[in-house]
C-alpha atoms as a PDB file:
ATOM      1  CA  MET A   1      24.072  20.364  15.312  1.00  0.00           C
ATOM      2  CA  LEU A   2      22.204  20.545  12.009  1.00  0.00           C
ATOM      3  CA  GLY A   3      19.152  18.962  13.620  1.00  0.00           C
ATOM      4  CA  TRP A   4      19.192  21.538  16.406  1.00  0.00           C
ATOM      5  CA  LEU A   5      19.428  24.399  13.927  1.00  0.00           C
ATOM      6  CA  ARG A   6      16.574  22.960  11.895  1.00  0.00           C
ATOM      7  CA  ARG A   7      14.348  22.637  14.965  1.00  0.00           C
ATOM      8  CA  ARG A   8      15.181  26.193  15.994  1.00  0.00           C
ATOM      9  CA  ARG A   9      14.363  27.518  12.519  1.00  0.00           C
ATOM     10  CA  ARG A  10      11.093  25.634  12.510  1.00  0.00           C
ATOM     11  CA  ARG A  11      10.086  27.003  15.902  1.00  0.00           C
ATOM     12  CA  LYS A  12      10.590  30.501  14.546  1.00  0.00           C
ATOM     13  CA  LEU A  13       8.554  29.696  11.445  1.00  0.00           C
ATOM     14  CA  VAL A  14       5.541  28.386  13.320  1.00  0.00           C
ATOM     15  CA  ALA A  15       5.649  31.277  15.780  1.00  0.00           C
ATOM     16  CA  GLU A  16       4.671  33.570  12.909  1.00  0.00           C
ATOM     17  CA  PRO A  17       0.938  34.109  12.292  1.00  0.00           C
ATOM     18  CA  VAL A  18      -0.579  32.149   9.443  1.00  0.00           C
ATOM     19  CA  PRO A  19      -1.359  34.557   6.552  1.00  0.00           C
ATOM     20  CA  ALA A  20      -5.065  35.278   6.291  1.00  0.00           C
ATOM     21  CA  ALA A  21      -5.038  34.373   2.600  1.00  0.00           C
ATOM     22  CA  TRP A  22      -4.036  30.818   3.484  1.00  0.00           C
ATOM     23  CA  HIS A  23      -7.297  30.209   5.314  1.00  0.00           C
ATOM     24  CA  ASP A  24      -9.209  31.187   2.187  1.00  0.00           C
ATOM     25  CA  ILE A  25      -7.045  28.903   0.047  1.00  0.00           C
ATOM     26  CA  LEU A  26      -7.599  25.948   2.365  1.00  0.00           C
ATOM     27  CA  ALA A  27     -11.334  26.567   2.612  1.00  0.00           C
ATOM     28  CA  ARG A  28     -11.506  26.547  -1.181  1.00  0.00           C
ATOM     29  CA  ASN A  29      -9.131  23.698  -2.027  1.00  0.00           C
ATOM     30  CA  ALA A  30      -8.786  21.511   1.076  1.00  0.00           C
ATOM     31  CA  PRO A  31     -12.240  20.844   2.562  1.00  0.00           C
ATOM     32  CA  PHE A  32     -10.865  18.244   4.962  1.00  0.00           C
ATOM     33  CA  VAL A  33      -9.240  21.009   7.037  1.00  0.00           C
ATOM     34  CA  ALA A  34     -12.643  22.218   8.248  1.00  0.00           C
ATOM     35  CA  ARG A  35     -13.329  18.733   9.661  1.00  0.00           C
ATOM     36  CA  LEU A  36     -10.240  18.728  11.879  1.00  0.00           C
ATOM     37  CA  ASP A  37     -10.510  19.557  15.559  1.00  0.00           C
ATOM     38  CA  ASP A  38      -8.707  22.651  16.823  1.00  0.00           C
ATOM     39  CA  ALA A  39      -5.544  20.826  17.910  1.00  0.00           C
ATOM     40  CA  HIS A  40      -5.100  18.935  14.654  1.00  0.00           C
ATOM     41  CA  ARG A  41      -5.881  22.030  12.596  1.00  0.00           C
ATOM     42  CA  ALA A  42      -3.217  23.972  14.473  1.00  0.00           C
ATOM     43  CA  LYS A  43      -0.708  21.148  13.896  1.00  0.00           C
ATOM     44  CA  LEU A  44      -1.556  21.028  10.193  1.00  0.00           C
ATOM     45  CA  LEU A  45      -1.175  24.792   9.770  1.00  0.00           C
ATOM     46  CA  ALA A  46       2.193  24.717  11.521  1.00  0.00           C
ATOM     47  CA  ASP A  47       3.369  21.911   9.246  1.00  0.00           C
ATOM     48  CA  VAL A  48       2.125  23.803   6.193  1.00  0.00           C
ATOM     49  CA  GLN A  49       4.230  26.799   7.269  1.00  0.00           C
ATOM     50  CA  VAL A  50       7.309  24.585   7.471  1.00  0.00           C
ATOM     51  CA  LEU A  51       6.689  22.762   4.204  1.00  0.00           C
ATOM     52  CA  VAL A  52       6.048  25.965   2.260  1.00  0.00           C
ATOM     53  CA  ALA A  53       9.230  27.514   3.652  1.00  0.00           C
ATOM     54  CA  GLU A  54      11.539  24.523   3.308  1.00  0.00           C
ATOM     55  CA  LYS A  55      10.550  22.679   0.157  1.00  0.00           C
ATOM     56  CA  THR A  56      11.395  23.849  -3.346  1.00  0.00           C
ATOM     57  CA  PHE A  57       8.370  24.041  -5.647  1.00  0.00           C
ATOM     58  CA  ILE A  58       9.121  23.894  -9.372  1.00  0.00           C
ATOM     59  CA  GLY A  59       6.663  24.538 -12.175  1.00  0.00           C
ATOM     60  CA  ALA A  60       6.876  22.257 -15.216  1.00  0.00           C
ATOM     61  CA  ALA A  61       5.506  22.686 -18.761  1.00  0.00           C
ATOM     62  CA  GLY A  62       4.992  26.380 -18.163  1.00  0.00           C
ATOM     63  CA  PHE A  63       3.039  25.998 -14.939  1.00  0.00           C
ATOM     64  CA  GLU A  64       3.312  28.947 -12.548  1.00  0.00           C
ATOM     65  CA  ILE A  65       3.963  28.218  -8.892  1.00  0.00           C
ATOM     66  CA  THR A  66       1.788  30.512  -6.798  1.00  0.00           C
ATOM     67  CA  GLU A  67       1.109  30.799  -3.096  1.00  0.00           C
ATOM     68  CA  GLU A  68      -2.121  28.894  -3.666  1.00  0.00           C
ATOM     69  CA  VAL A  69      -0.237  25.989  -5.236  1.00  0.00           C
ATOM     70  CA  LYS A  70       2.282  25.807  -2.401  1.00  0.00           C
ATOM     71  CA  VAL A  71      -0.275  26.032   0.395  1.00  0.00           C
ATOM     72  CA  THR A  72      -2.660  23.538  -1.187  1.00  0.00           C
ATOM     73  CA  ILE A  73      -0.007  20.897  -1.832  1.00  0.00           C
ATOM     74  CA  ALA A  74       1.626  21.462   1.548  1.00  0.00           C
ATOM     75  CA  ALA A  75      -1.759  20.916   3.198  1.00  0.00           C
ATOM     76  CA  ALA A  76      -2.177  17.630   1.326  1.00  0.00           C
ATOM     77  CA  ALA A  77       1.201  16.488   2.641  1.00  0.00           C
ATOM     78  CA  ALA A  78       0.522  17.744   6.156  1.00  0.00           C
ATOM     79  CA  ARG A  79      -2.776  15.877   6.286  1.00  0.00           C
ATOM     80  CA  LEU A  80      -0.921  12.580   6.542  1.00  0.00           C
ATOM     81  CA  ILE A  81       1.168  13.670   9.522  1.00  0.00           C
ATOM     82  CA  THR A  82      -1.315  15.396  11.816  1.00  0.00           C
ATOM     83  CA  ASN A  83      -0.317  12.738  14.377  1.00  0.00           C
ATOM     84  CA  LEU A  84       3.248  12.248  13.131  1.00  0.00           C
ATOM     85  CA  ASP A  85       6.290  14.481  13.248  1.00  0.00           C
ATOM     86  CA  ILE A  86       7.253  16.836  10.430  1.00  0.00           C
ATOM     87  CA  THR A  87      10.635  15.096  10.299  1.00  0.00           C
ATOM     88  CA  ARG A  88       8.919  12.345   8.292  1.00  0.00           C
ATOM     89  CA  TYR A  89       9.344  14.682   5.321  1.00  0.00           C
ATOM     90  CA  ASP A  90      12.948  15.692   5.951  1.00  0.00           C
ATOM     91  CA  ASP A  91      14.211  13.803   2.895  1.00  0.00           C
ATOM     92  CA  LEU A  92      11.684  15.482   0.616  1.00  0.00           C
ATOM     93  CA  THR A  93      13.386  18.383  -1.124  1.00  0.00           C
ATOM     94  CA  GLU A  94      11.514  19.267  -4.326  1.00  0.00           C
ATOM     95  CA  ILE A  95       7.914  19.222  -5.506  1.00  0.00           C
ATOM     96  CA  VAL A  96       7.521  19.498  -9.278  1.00  0.00           C
ATOM     97  CA  VAL A  97       4.078  20.543 -10.485  1.00  0.00           C
ATOM     98  CA  TYR A  98       2.650  20.126 -13.987  1.00  0.00           C
ATOM     99  CA  PRO A  99      -0.568  21.888 -14.993  1.00  0.00           C
ATOM    100  CA  GLY A 100      -2.223  18.576 -15.888  1.00  0.00           C
ATOM    101  CA  ALA A 101      -1.471  14.965 -16.709  1.00  0.00           C
ATOM    102  CA  TYR A 102       1.918  14.494 -18.355  1.00  0.00           C
ATOM    103  CA  LYS A 103       3.805  11.791 -20.215  1.00  0.00           C
ATOM    104  CA  HIS A 104       7.272  10.315 -20.114  1.00  0.00           C
ATOM    105  CA  GLU A 105       9.079  10.272 -23.422  1.00  0.00           C
ATOM    106  CA  GLY A 106       8.943   6.869 -25.046  1.00  0.00           C
ATOM    107  CA  GLN A 107       6.213   5.571 -22.728  1.00  0.00           C
ATOM    108  CA  ASP A 108       2.495   5.187 -23.223  1.00  0.00           C
ATOM    109  CA  GLY A 109      -0.101   6.524 -20.835  1.00  0.00           C
ATOM    110  CA  ALA A 110      -0.622   9.743 -18.921  1.00  0.00           C
ATOM    111  CA  VAL A 111       0.899  10.261 -15.477  1.00  0.00           C
ATOM    112  CA  LEU A 112      -0.795  12.114 -12.615  1.00  0.00           C
ATOM    113  CA  GLY A 113       2.009  11.928 -10.083  1.00  0.00           C
ATOM    114  CA  GLU A 114       5.082  10.074  -8.886  1.00  0.00           C
ATOM    115  CA  ALA A 115       7.537   9.972  -6.032  1.00  0.00           C
ATOM    116  CA  HIS A 116      11.259   9.452  -6.589  1.00  0.00           C
ATOM    117  CA  SER A 117      13.841   7.955  -4.295  1.00  0.00           C
ATOM    118  CA  TRP A 118      16.004  11.083  -4.453  1.00  0.00           C
ATOM    119  CA  GLY A 119      13.542  13.315  -2.605  1.00  0.00           C
ATOM    120  CA  VAL A 120      11.366  14.560  -5.459  1.00  0.00           C
ATOM    121  CA  VAL A 121       7.586  14.370  -5.794  1.00  0.00           C
ATOM    122  CA  VAL A 122       5.926  15.187  -9.124  1.00  0.00           C
ATOM    123  CA  LEU A 123       2.252  16.134  -9.250  1.00  0.00           C
ATOM    124  CA  SER A 124      -0.392  17.194 -11.734  1.00  0.00           C
ATOM    125  CA  TRP A 125      -2.109  20.295 -10.377  1.00  0.00           C
ATOM    126  CA  ASP A 126      -5.397  19.301 -11.994  1.00  0.00           C
ATOM    127  CA  ALA A 127      -5.188  15.903 -10.286  1.00  0.00           C
ATOM    128  CA  VAL A 128      -4.394  17.508  -6.927  1.00  0.00           C
ATOM    129  CA  ILE A 129      -7.439  19.764  -7.104  1.00  0.00           C
ATOM    130  CA  GLN A 130      -9.692  17.007  -8.396  1.00  0.00           C
ATOM    131  CA  GLY A 131      -8.572  14.587  -5.700  1.00  0.00           C
ATOM    132  CA  MET A 132      -9.107  17.038  -2.870  1.00  0.00           C
ATOM    133  CA  GLY A 133     -12.421  18.194  -4.331  1.00  0.00           C
ATOM    134  CA  ARG A 134     -13.836  14.657  -4.357  1.00  0.00           C
ATOM    135  CA  PRO A 135     -13.132  13.642  -0.772  1.00  0.00           C
ATOM    136  CA  HIS A 136     -14.963  10.317  -0.692  1.00  0.00           C
ATOM    137  CA  ASP A 137     -14.032   8.498  -3.912  1.00  0.00           C
ATOM    138  CA  GLY A 138     -10.846   6.896  -2.572  1.00  0.00           C
ATOM    139  CA  HIS A 139      -8.624   8.510  -5.205  1.00  0.00           C
ATOM    140  CA  ASP A 140      -6.414  11.413  -4.161  1.00  0.00           C
ATOM    141  CA  THR A 141      -3.187  11.818  -6.140  1.00  0.00           C
ATOM    142  CA  ALA A 142      -1.473  14.037  -3.565  1.00  0.00           C
ATOM    143  CA  VAL A 143      -2.290  11.708  -0.667  1.00  0.00           C
ATOM    144  CA  HIS A 144      -1.047   8.785  -2.756  1.00  0.00           C
ATOM    145  CA  GLU A 145       2.307  10.339  -3.608  1.00  0.00           C
ATOM    146  CA  PHE A 146       2.990  11.672  -0.118  1.00  0.00           C
ATOM    147  CA  ALA A 147       2.200   8.228   1.263  1.00  0.00           C
ATOM    148  CA  HIS A 148       5.058   7.014  -0.937  1.00  0.00           C
ATOM    149  CA  VAL A 149       7.301   9.628   0.681  1.00  0.00           C
ATOM    150  CA  LEU A 150       6.417   8.308   4.140  1.00  0.00           C
ATOM    151  CA  ASP A 151       7.059   4.772   2.916  1.00  0.00           C
ATOM    152  CA  ARG A 152      10.444   5.732   1.439  1.00  0.00           C
ATOM    153  CA  ALA A 153      11.620   7.574   4.583  1.00  0.00           C
ATOM    154  CA  ASP A 154      13.067   4.348   6.012  1.00  0.00           C
ATOM    155  CA  GLY A 155      15.077   3.668   2.858  1.00  0.00           C
ATOM    156  CA  ALA A 156      12.869   1.807   0.373  1.00  0.00           C
ATOM    157  CA  PHE A 157       9.570   1.896  -1.474  1.00  0.00           C
ATOM    158  CA  ASP A 158       8.299  -1.372  -0.025  1.00  0.00           C
ATOM    159  CA  GLY A 159       4.946  -0.641   1.588  1.00  0.00           C
ATOM    160  CA  ALA A 160       6.463  -0.751   5.063  1.00  0.00           C
ATOM    161  CA  PRO A 161       7.088   2.723   6.527  1.00  0.00           C
ATOM    162  CA  ALA A 162       8.952   3.262   9.759  1.00  0.00           C
ATOM    163  CA  LEU A 163       6.379   2.366  12.394  1.00  0.00           C
ATOM    164  CA  ARG A 164       5.967   3.754  15.891  1.00  0.00           C
ATOM    165  CA  ALA A 165       7.193   0.713  17.819  1.00  0.00           C
ATOM    166  CA  HIS A 166       9.055  -2.499  17.113  1.00  0.00           C
ATOM    167  CA  GLU A 167       6.076  -4.611  18.139  1.00  0.00           C
ATOM    168  CA  ASP A 168       3.928  -2.942  15.481  1.00  0.00           C
ATOM    169  CA  TYR A 169       5.776  -4.504  12.553  1.00  0.00           C
ATOM    170  CA  ARG A 170       4.409  -8.040  12.682  1.00  0.00           C
ATOM    171  CA  PRO A 171       0.690  -7.163  12.862  1.00  0.00           C
ATOM    172  CA  PHE A 172       1.204  -4.420  10.270  1.00  0.00           C
ATOM    173  CA  ALA A 173       2.904  -6.802   7.838  1.00  0.00           C
ATOM    174  CA  THR A 174       0.288  -9.495   8.433  1.00  0.00           C
ATOM    175  CA  ALA A 175      -2.639  -7.163   7.781  1.00  0.00           C
ATOM    176  CA  MET A 176      -0.984  -5.616   4.741  1.00  0.00           C
ATOM    177  CA  GLN A 177      -0.098  -8.960   3.174  1.00  0.00           C
ATOM    178  CA  ARG A 178      -3.546 -10.423   3.786  1.00  0.00           C
ATOM    179  CA  SER A 179      -5.337  -7.509   2.147  1.00  0.00           C
ATOM    180  CA  TYR A 180      -2.772  -7.228  -0.647  1.00  0.00           C
ATOM    181  CA  ASP A 181      -3.337 -10.884  -1.508  1.00  0.00           C
ATOM    182  CA  ARG A 182      -7.096 -10.359  -1.452  1.00  0.00           C
ATOM    183  CA  LEU A 183      -6.822  -7.431  -3.832  1.00  0.00           C
ATOM    184  CA  ARG A 184      -4.560  -9.366  -6.204  1.00  0.00           C
ATOM    185  CA  LYS A 185      -7.209 -12.092  -6.250  1.00  0.00           C
ATOM    186  CA  ARG A 186      -9.760  -9.412  -7.156  1.00  0.00           C
ATOM    187  CA  ASP A 187     -11.773  -9.850  -3.977  1.00  0.00           C
ATOM    188  CA  ARG A 188     -15.047  -8.109  -4.851  1.00  0.00           C
ATOM    189  CA  ARG A 189     -15.737  -7.038  -1.292  1.00  0.00           C
ATOM    190  CA  LEU A 190     -12.343  -5.412  -0.798  1.00  0.00           C
ATOM    191  CA  ARG A 191     -12.482  -3.707  -4.205  1.00  0.00           C
ATOM    192  CA  LYS A 192     -15.371  -1.613  -2.874  1.00  0.00           C
ATOM    193  CA  ALA A 193     -12.807   0.128  -0.662  1.00  0.00           C
ATOM    194  CA  LEU A 194      -9.478  -0.165  -2.508  1.00  0.00           C
ATOM    195  CA  ARG A 195      -8.569   0.736  -6.080  1.00  0.00           C
ATOM    196  CA  ASP A 196      -7.252  -2.088  -8.246  1.00  0.00           C
ATOM    197  CA  TYR A 197      -4.019  -0.156  -8.736  1.00  0.00           C
ATOM    198  CA  GLY A 198      -3.055  -1.244  -5.235  1.00  0.00           C
ATOM    199  CA  ALA A 199      -2.466  -4.748  -6.588  1.00  0.00           C
ATOM    200  CA  THR A 200       0.550  -3.487  -8.597  1.00  0.00           C
ATOM    201  CA  ASN A 201       3.055  -4.100  -5.794  1.00  0.00           C
ATOM    202  CA  GLU A 202       3.396  -3.640  -2.034  1.00  0.00           C
ATOM    203  CA  ALA A 203       4.422   0.017  -2.281  1.00  0.00           C
ATOM    204  CA  GLU A 204       1.408   0.911  -4.407  1.00  0.00           C
ATOM    205  CA  PHE A 205      -0.805  -1.083  -2.091  1.00  0.00           C
ATOM    206  CA  PHE A 206       0.281   1.004   0.906  1.00  0.00           C
ATOM    207  CA  ALA A 207      -0.352   4.233  -1.022  1.00  0.00           C
ATOM    208  CA  VAL A 208      -3.782   3.096  -2.258  1.00  0.00           C
ATOM    209  CA  ALA A 209      -4.704   1.855   1.223  1.00  0.00           C
ATOM    210  CA  THR A 210      -3.716   5.255   2.587  1.00  0.00           C
ATOM    211  CA  GLU A 211      -6.034   6.941   0.087  1.00  0.00           C
ATOM    212  CA  ALA A 212      -8.871   4.692   1.262  1.00  0.00           C
ATOM    213  CA  TYR A 213      -8.062   5.290   4.916  1.00  0.00           C
ATOM    214  CA  PHE A 214      -8.417   9.045   4.511  1.00  0.00           C
ATOM    215  CA  GLU A 215     -11.252   9.083   1.967  1.00  0.00           C
ATOM    216  CA  LYS A 216     -13.303   5.928   2.584  1.00  0.00           C
ATOM    217  CA  PRO A 217     -12.572   4.986   6.201  1.00  0.00           C
ATOM    218  CA  ASP A 218     -15.966   3.433   6.913  1.00  0.00           C
ATOM    219  CA  GLU A 219     -15.811   1.172   3.869  1.00  0.00           C
ATOM    220  CA  LEU A 220     -12.236   0.189   4.663  1.00  0.00           C
ATOM    221  CA  ARG A 221     -13.040  -0.583   8.297  1.00  0.00           C
ATOM    222  CA  GLU A 222     -16.009  -2.726   7.253  1.00  0.00           C
ATOM    223  CA  ARG A 223     -14.214  -4.692   4.531  1.00  0.00           C
ATOM    224  CA  ALA A 224     -10.697  -4.966   5.990  1.00  0.00           C
ATOM    225  CA  PRO A 225     -10.837  -4.174   9.718  1.00  0.00           C
ATOM    226  CA  ASP A 226      -7.332  -5.441  10.430  1.00  0.00           C
ATOM    227  CA  LEU A 227      -5.870  -3.248   7.679  1.00  0.00           C
ATOM    228  CA  TYR A 228      -7.854  -0.257   8.922  1.00  0.00           C
ATOM    229  CA  ASP A 229      -6.628  -0.827  12.489  1.00  0.00           C
ATOM    230  CA  GLU A 230      -2.978  -0.968  11.431  1.00  0.00           C
ATOM    231  CA  LEU A 231      -3.263   2.191   9.341  1.00  0.00           C
ATOM    232  CA  ARG A 232      -4.958   3.902  12.257  1.00  0.00           C
ATOM    233  CA  ARG A 233      -2.135   2.779  14.535  1.00  0.00           C
ATOM    234  CA  PHE A 234       0.452   4.182  12.112  1.00  0.00           C
ATOM    235  CA  TYR A 235      -1.275   7.454  11.269  1.00  0.00           C
ATOM    236  CA  GLY A 236      -2.179   7.955  14.909  1.00  0.00           C
ATOM    237  CA  GLY A 237      -5.922   8.295  15.065  1.00  0.00           C
ATOM    238  CA  PRO A 238      -9.084   8.523  13.019  1.00  0.00           C
ATOM    239  CA  PRO A 239      -8.537  10.028   9.583  1.00  0.00           C
ATOM    240  CA  GLY A 240      -9.137  13.748   9.202  1.00  0.00           C
END
């Protein structure tokens, strides 16, 4: 019953026209949207409407949550699911946004973003804008953290999201493990496409590989074709 009500509410949301101001926001902050074909752009805009309406955005360290912040971050999340269903984000409830890099008490080092197992994503607004404004460097904080959300949707941060079909799991795991091992061994060829941070663990590898898939697809396809093919199979088509 709850699922039916949610689908009905979402149909009503996406039946509403997209505010004109949103197009300006996306043109300014999310250049990838202009590269989408009409069908994928329409899907992304519909998902942005749902995410803006359903998710709770919370400003941290005095940061003000504006329409621009909501639409920009929602677009970053929606980018990953232009060929997947919006239900992939059902467990995501809150998005906490800091103005810039932040620190955890008692720990060294600045943090740009993180995803928690209880449905919360934390982002640095500066990092979001910087990542989306440099679309080919393979580093996009928002893409990285929302990839973690997709990974966690099946119950664990393990680098193995819920795939489309049962027969996809073996080739996906094989390609992921092979490239993960290469990165841990500091394979110079693969490091042209993937950030070293992906060698941290399997979950971070999936998130870093997702960044490369969307930002450096040609390099990834050349240096790890099996990994590229499995990410394409999961995300449902060429990256937008």
